[in-house]
Amino acid sequence: MTKTILKSAFFGALVGALLFFVPGFILTILIVSLVFKLVFRRKMRSGKFQQHRLAFMDKVRNMSEEEYNQFKNNFSKGHCHAHCHSC
């Protein structure tokens, strides 16, 4: 009988602690993710990121038909970059 009472008290304390700490933990995760999102969004809007993206698009547009087919094959295989020579 004392085992069942101790088990009930332990699980009750555990559930109570979870209900007390989990909302704060979730709120902390949400705040940290919001800060990261704001930082990275600002970086993506910067001119440096835009220039890299536009340069990549120009590189793809200026590819020959053979280079473009090789790029598509490498991309569909899951390789990270078209200029990766170790693939």
N, C-alpha and C. Protein backbone atom coordinates (compact mmCIF):
# COMPACT_ATOMS: atom_id res chain seq x y z
N MET A 1 0.82 -1.19 0.00
CA MET A 1 0.00 0.00 0.00
C MET A 1 0.87 1.26 0.00
N THR A 2 1.96 1.23 0.74
CA THR A 2 2.81 2.41 0.77
C THR A 2 3.49 2.60 -0.58
N LYS A 3 3.75 1.49 -1.32
CA LYS A 3 4.34 1.63 -2.66
C LYS A 3 3.39 2.36 -3.59
N THR A 4 2.13 2.03 -3.56
CA THR A 4 1.18 2.67 -4.47
C THR A 4 1.01 4.15 -4.11
N ILE A 5 1.04 4.46 -2.84
CA ILE A 5 0.93 5.88 -2.43
C ILE A 5 2.17 6.64 -2.86
N LEU A 6 3.36 6.03 -2.70
CA LEU A 6 4.59 6.68 -3.13
C LEU A 6 4.64 6.85 -4.64
N LYS A 7 4.18 5.82 -5.37
CA LYS A 7 4.13 5.93 -6.83
C LYS A 7 3.21 7.07 -7.24
N SER A 8 2.04 7.13 -6.65
CA SER A 8 1.09 8.18 -6.98
C SER A 8 1.65 9.56 -6.66
N ALA A 9 2.30 9.69 -5.52
CA ALA A 9 2.89 10.98 -5.13
C ALA A 9 4.02 11.36 -6.08
N PHE A 10 4.85 10.38 -6.46
CA PHE A 10 5.96 10.65 -7.38
C PHE A 10 5.43 11.10 -8.74
N PHE A 11 4.49 10.35 -9.29
CA PHE A 11 3.95 10.71 -10.60
C PHE A 11 3.17 12.02 -10.54
N GLY A 12 2.51 12.28 -9.46
CA GLY A 12 1.82 13.56 -9.30
C GLY A 12 2.80 14.72 -9.25
N ALA A 13 3.91 14.54 -8.54
CA ALA A 13 4.94 15.57 -8.48
C ALA A 13 5.59 15.77 -9.85
N LEU A 14 5.80 14.65 -10.56
CA LEU A 14 6.40 14.74 -11.90
C LEU A 14 5.49 15.48 -12.86
N VAL A 15 4.21 15.15 -12.87
CA VAL A 15 3.25 15.83 -13.74
C VAL A 15 3.13 17.30 -13.35
N GLY A 16 3.12 17.58 -12.09
CA GLY A 16 3.05 18.97 -11.63
C GLY A 16 4.27 19.77 -12.06
N ALA A 17 5.45 19.17 -11.94
CA ALA A 17 6.67 19.85 -12.36
C ALA A 17 6.66 20.09 -13.86
N LEU A 18 6.21 19.10 -14.63
CA LEU A 18 6.12 19.28 -16.09
C LEU A 18 5.15 20.40 -16.45
N LEU A 19 4.01 20.40 -15.82
CA LEU A 19 3.03 21.46 -16.11
C LEU A 19 3.55 22.84 -15.69
N PHE A 20 4.43 22.87 -14.72
CA PHE A 20 4.97 24.14 -14.26
C PHE A 20 6.09 24.64 -15.17
N PHE A 21 6.99 23.73 -15.60
CA PHE A 21 8.18 24.14 -16.34
C PHE A 21 8.03 24.13 -17.86
N VAL A 22 7.19 23.28 -18.41
CA VAL A 22 7.09 23.15 -19.87
C VAL A 22 6.62 24.43 -20.55
N PRO A 23 5.61 25.15 -20.06
CA PRO A 23 5.22 26.38 -20.76
C PRO A 23 6.36 27.41 -20.84
N GLY A 24 7.14 27.53 -19.80
CA GLY A 24 8.27 28.45 -19.84
C GLY A 24 9.33 27.99 -20.83
N PHE A 25 9.54 26.69 -20.90
CA PHE A 25 10.51 26.13 -21.84
C PHE A 25 10.04 26.37 -23.28
N ILE A 26 8.77 26.14 -23.54
CA ILE A 26 8.23 26.36 -24.88
C ILE A 26 8.30 27.84 -25.24
N LEU A 27 7.98 28.71 -24.29
CA LEU A 27 8.05 30.15 -24.54
C LEU A 27 9.48 30.57 -24.84
N THR A 28 10.44 30.02 -24.13
CA THR A 28 11.85 30.32 -24.39
C THR A 28 12.25 29.89 -25.80
N ILE A 29 11.84 28.71 -26.20
CA ILE A 29 12.16 28.22 -27.55
C ILE A 29 11.53 29.13 -28.60
N LEU A 30 10.31 29.56 -28.39
CA LEU A 30 9.64 30.44 -29.35
C LEU A 30 10.35 31.79 -29.45
N ILE A 31 10.77 32.34 -28.34
CA ILE A 31 11.46 33.63 -28.35
C ILE A 31 12.81 33.51 -29.05
N VAL A 32 13.56 32.45 -28.75
CA VAL A 32 14.86 32.26 -29.39
C VAL A 32 14.69 32.06 -30.90
N SER A 33 13.70 31.28 -31.31
CA SER A 33 13.49 31.07 -32.74
C SER A 33 13.06 32.36 -33.42
N LEU A 34 12.28 33.19 -32.76
CA LEU A 34 11.89 34.47 -33.32
C LEU A 34 13.09 35.38 -33.51
N VAL A 35 13.99 35.40 -32.54
CA VAL A 35 15.20 36.23 -32.66
C VAL A 35 16.05 35.74 -33.83
N PHE A 36 16.24 34.43 -33.95
CA PHE A 36 17.02 33.90 -35.08
C PHE A 36 16.36 34.23 -36.40
N LYS A 37 15.04 34.12 -36.45
CA LYS A 37 14.33 34.40 -37.68
C LYS A 37 14.51 35.87 -38.09
N LEU A 38 14.44 36.75 -37.12
CA LEU A 38 14.63 38.17 -37.43
C LEU A 38 16.05 38.46 -37.89
N VAL A 39 17.03 37.83 -37.27
CA VAL A 39 18.43 38.06 -37.64
C VAL A 39 18.68 37.54 -39.05
N PHE A 40 18.23 36.31 -39.34
CA PHE A 40 18.49 35.74 -40.66
C PHE A 40 17.68 36.42 -41.74
N ARG A 41 16.49 36.88 -41.42
CA ARG A 41 15.69 37.61 -42.41
C ARG A 41 16.40 38.90 -42.78
N ARG A 42 16.98 39.56 -41.79
CA ARG A 42 17.71 40.79 -42.07
C ARG A 42 18.93 40.50 -42.93
N LYS A 43 19.61 39.38 -42.66
CA LYS A 43 20.77 39.01 -43.47
C LYS A 43 20.36 38.70 -44.90
N MET A 44 19.23 38.04 -45.07
CA MET A 44 18.79 37.68 -46.41
C MET A 44 18.38 38.91 -47.21
N ARG A 45 17.95 39.93 -46.54
CA ARG A 45 17.57 41.16 -47.24
C ARG A 45 18.78 42.01 -47.59
N SER A 46 19.92 41.70 -47.02
CA SER A 46 21.11 42.50 -47.28
C SER A 46 21.54 42.31 -48.72
N GLY A 47 22.26 43.27 -49.22
CA GLY A 47 22.69 43.25 -50.61
C GLY A 47 23.62 42.10 -50.93
N LYS A 48 24.41 41.66 -49.96
CA LYS A 48 25.39 40.60 -50.20
C LYS A 48 24.68 39.30 -50.57
N PHE A 49 23.64 38.95 -49.84
CA PHE A 49 22.90 37.71 -50.14
C PHE A 49 22.24 37.82 -51.50
N GLN A 50 21.64 38.97 -51.80
CA GLN A 50 20.98 39.17 -53.09
C GLN A 50 21.98 39.05 -54.23
N GLN A 51 23.17 39.58 -54.04
CA GLN A 51 24.18 39.51 -55.10
C GLN A 51 24.59 38.07 -55.37
N HIS A 52 24.74 37.27 -54.32
CA HIS A 52 25.11 35.87 -54.51
C HIS A 52 24.00 35.12 -55.24
N ARG A 53 22.77 35.38 -54.86
CA ARG A 53 21.65 34.70 -55.50
C ARG A 53 21.54 35.09 -56.97
N LEU A 54 21.70 36.38 -57.26
CA LEU A 54 21.62 36.83 -58.65
C LEU A 54 22.79 36.30 -59.46
N ALA A 55 23.97 36.22 -58.86
CA ALA A 55 25.13 35.68 -59.56
C ALA A 55 24.90 34.21 -59.89
N PHE A 56 24.31 33.46 -58.97
CA PHE A 56 24.02 32.06 -59.23
C PHE A 56 23.02 31.91 -60.36
N MET A 57 21.99 32.75 -60.36
CA MET A 57 21.00 32.69 -61.42
C MET A 57 21.61 33.03 -62.77
N ASP A 58 22.50 34.01 -62.80
CA ASP A 58 23.18 34.35 -64.05
C ASP A 58 24.07 33.20 -64.51
N LYS A 59 24.70 32.54 -63.58
CA LYS A 59 25.56 31.41 -63.93
C LYS A 59 24.74 30.30 -64.57
N VAL A 60 23.56 30.03 -64.02
CA VAL A 60 22.70 28.99 -64.57
C VAL A 60 22.19 29.41 -65.95
N ARG A 61 21.83 30.66 -66.12
CA ARG A 61 21.34 31.14 -67.41
C ARG A 61 22.41 31.06 -68.49
N ASN A 62 23.66 31.26 -68.12
CA ASN A 62 24.74 31.29 -69.09
C ASN A 62 25.35 29.91 -69.35
N MET A 63 24.78 28.85 -68.77
CA MET A 63 25.32 27.51 -68.98
C MET A 63 24.96 27.02 -70.38
N SER A 64 25.86 26.20 -70.92
CA SER A 64 25.54 25.53 -72.18
C SER A 64 24.53 24.42 -71.89
N GLU A 65 24.00 23.83 -72.95
CA GLU A 65 23.00 22.78 -72.77
C GLU A 65 23.59 21.57 -72.02
N GLU A 66 24.83 21.21 -72.32
CA GLU A 66 25.47 20.08 -71.65
C GLU A 66 25.71 20.38 -70.17
N GLU A 67 26.20 21.58 -69.88
CA GLU A 67 26.44 21.96 -68.48
C GLU A 67 25.14 21.99 -67.69
N TYR A 68 24.07 22.48 -68.34
CA TYR A 68 22.78 22.56 -67.66
C TYR A 68 22.24 21.17 -67.37
N ASN A 69 22.37 20.26 -68.31
CA ASN A 69 21.91 18.88 -68.08
C ASN A 69 22.71 18.21 -66.97
N GLN A 70 24.03 18.45 -66.94
CA GLN A 70 24.85 17.90 -65.87
C GLN A 70 24.45 18.51 -64.52
N PHE A 71 24.18 19.81 -64.51
CA PHE A 71 23.73 20.47 -63.28
C PHE A 71 22.42 19.87 -62.79
N LYS A 72 21.46 19.66 -63.69
CA LYS A 72 20.17 19.08 -63.30
C LYS A 72 20.35 17.67 -62.76
N ASN A 73 21.23 16.87 -63.41
CA ASN A 73 21.47 15.51 -62.93
C ASN A 73 22.09 15.52 -61.54
N ASN A 74 23.08 16.37 -61.33
CA ASN A 74 23.70 16.46 -60.01
C ASN A 74 22.71 16.94 -58.96
N PHE A 75 21.88 17.90 -59.32
CA PHE A 75 20.90 18.44 -58.38
C PHE A 75 19.85 17.40 -58.02
N SER A 76 19.41 16.63 -59.01
CA SER A 76 18.39 15.61 -58.74
C SER A 76 18.94 14.45 -57.92
N LYS A 77 20.25 14.23 -57.97
CA LYS A 77 20.87 13.16 -57.18
C LYS A 77 21.05 13.57 -55.72
N GLY A 78 20.82 14.84 -55.42
CA GLY A 78 20.93 15.29 -54.04
C GLY A 78 22.26 15.92 -53.71
N HIS A 79 23.10 16.19 -54.70
CA HIS A 79 24.37 16.85 -54.42
C HIS A 79 24.12 18.30 -54.09
N CYS A 80 24.95 18.83 -53.25
CA CYS A 80 24.70 20.16 -52.71
C CYS A 80 24.96 21.27 -53.70
N HIS A 81 26.02 21.19 -54.49
CA HIS A 81 26.38 22.28 -55.38
C HIS A 81 26.78 21.75 -56.74
N ALA A 82 26.55 22.54 -57.76
CA ALA A 82 26.90 22.12 -59.11
C ALA A 82 28.42 22.17 -59.30
N HIS A 83 29.12 23.01 -58.55
CA HIS A 83 30.56 23.14 -58.72
C HIS A 83 31.35 22.18 -57.82
N CYS A 84 30.66 21.25 -57.20
CA CYS A 84 31.31 20.28 -56.32
C CYS A 84 32.00 19.22 -57.18
N HIS A 85 33.32 19.14 -57.12
CA HIS A 85 34.06 18.22 -57.96
C HIS A 85 34.22 16.84 -57.35
N SER A 86 33.90 16.70 -56.08
CA SER A 86 34.05 15.41 -55.43
C SER A 86 32.85 14.51 -55.66
N CYS A 87 31.83 14.99 -56.35
CA CYS A 87 30.62 14.22 -56.56
C CYS A 87 30.81 13.11 -57.58
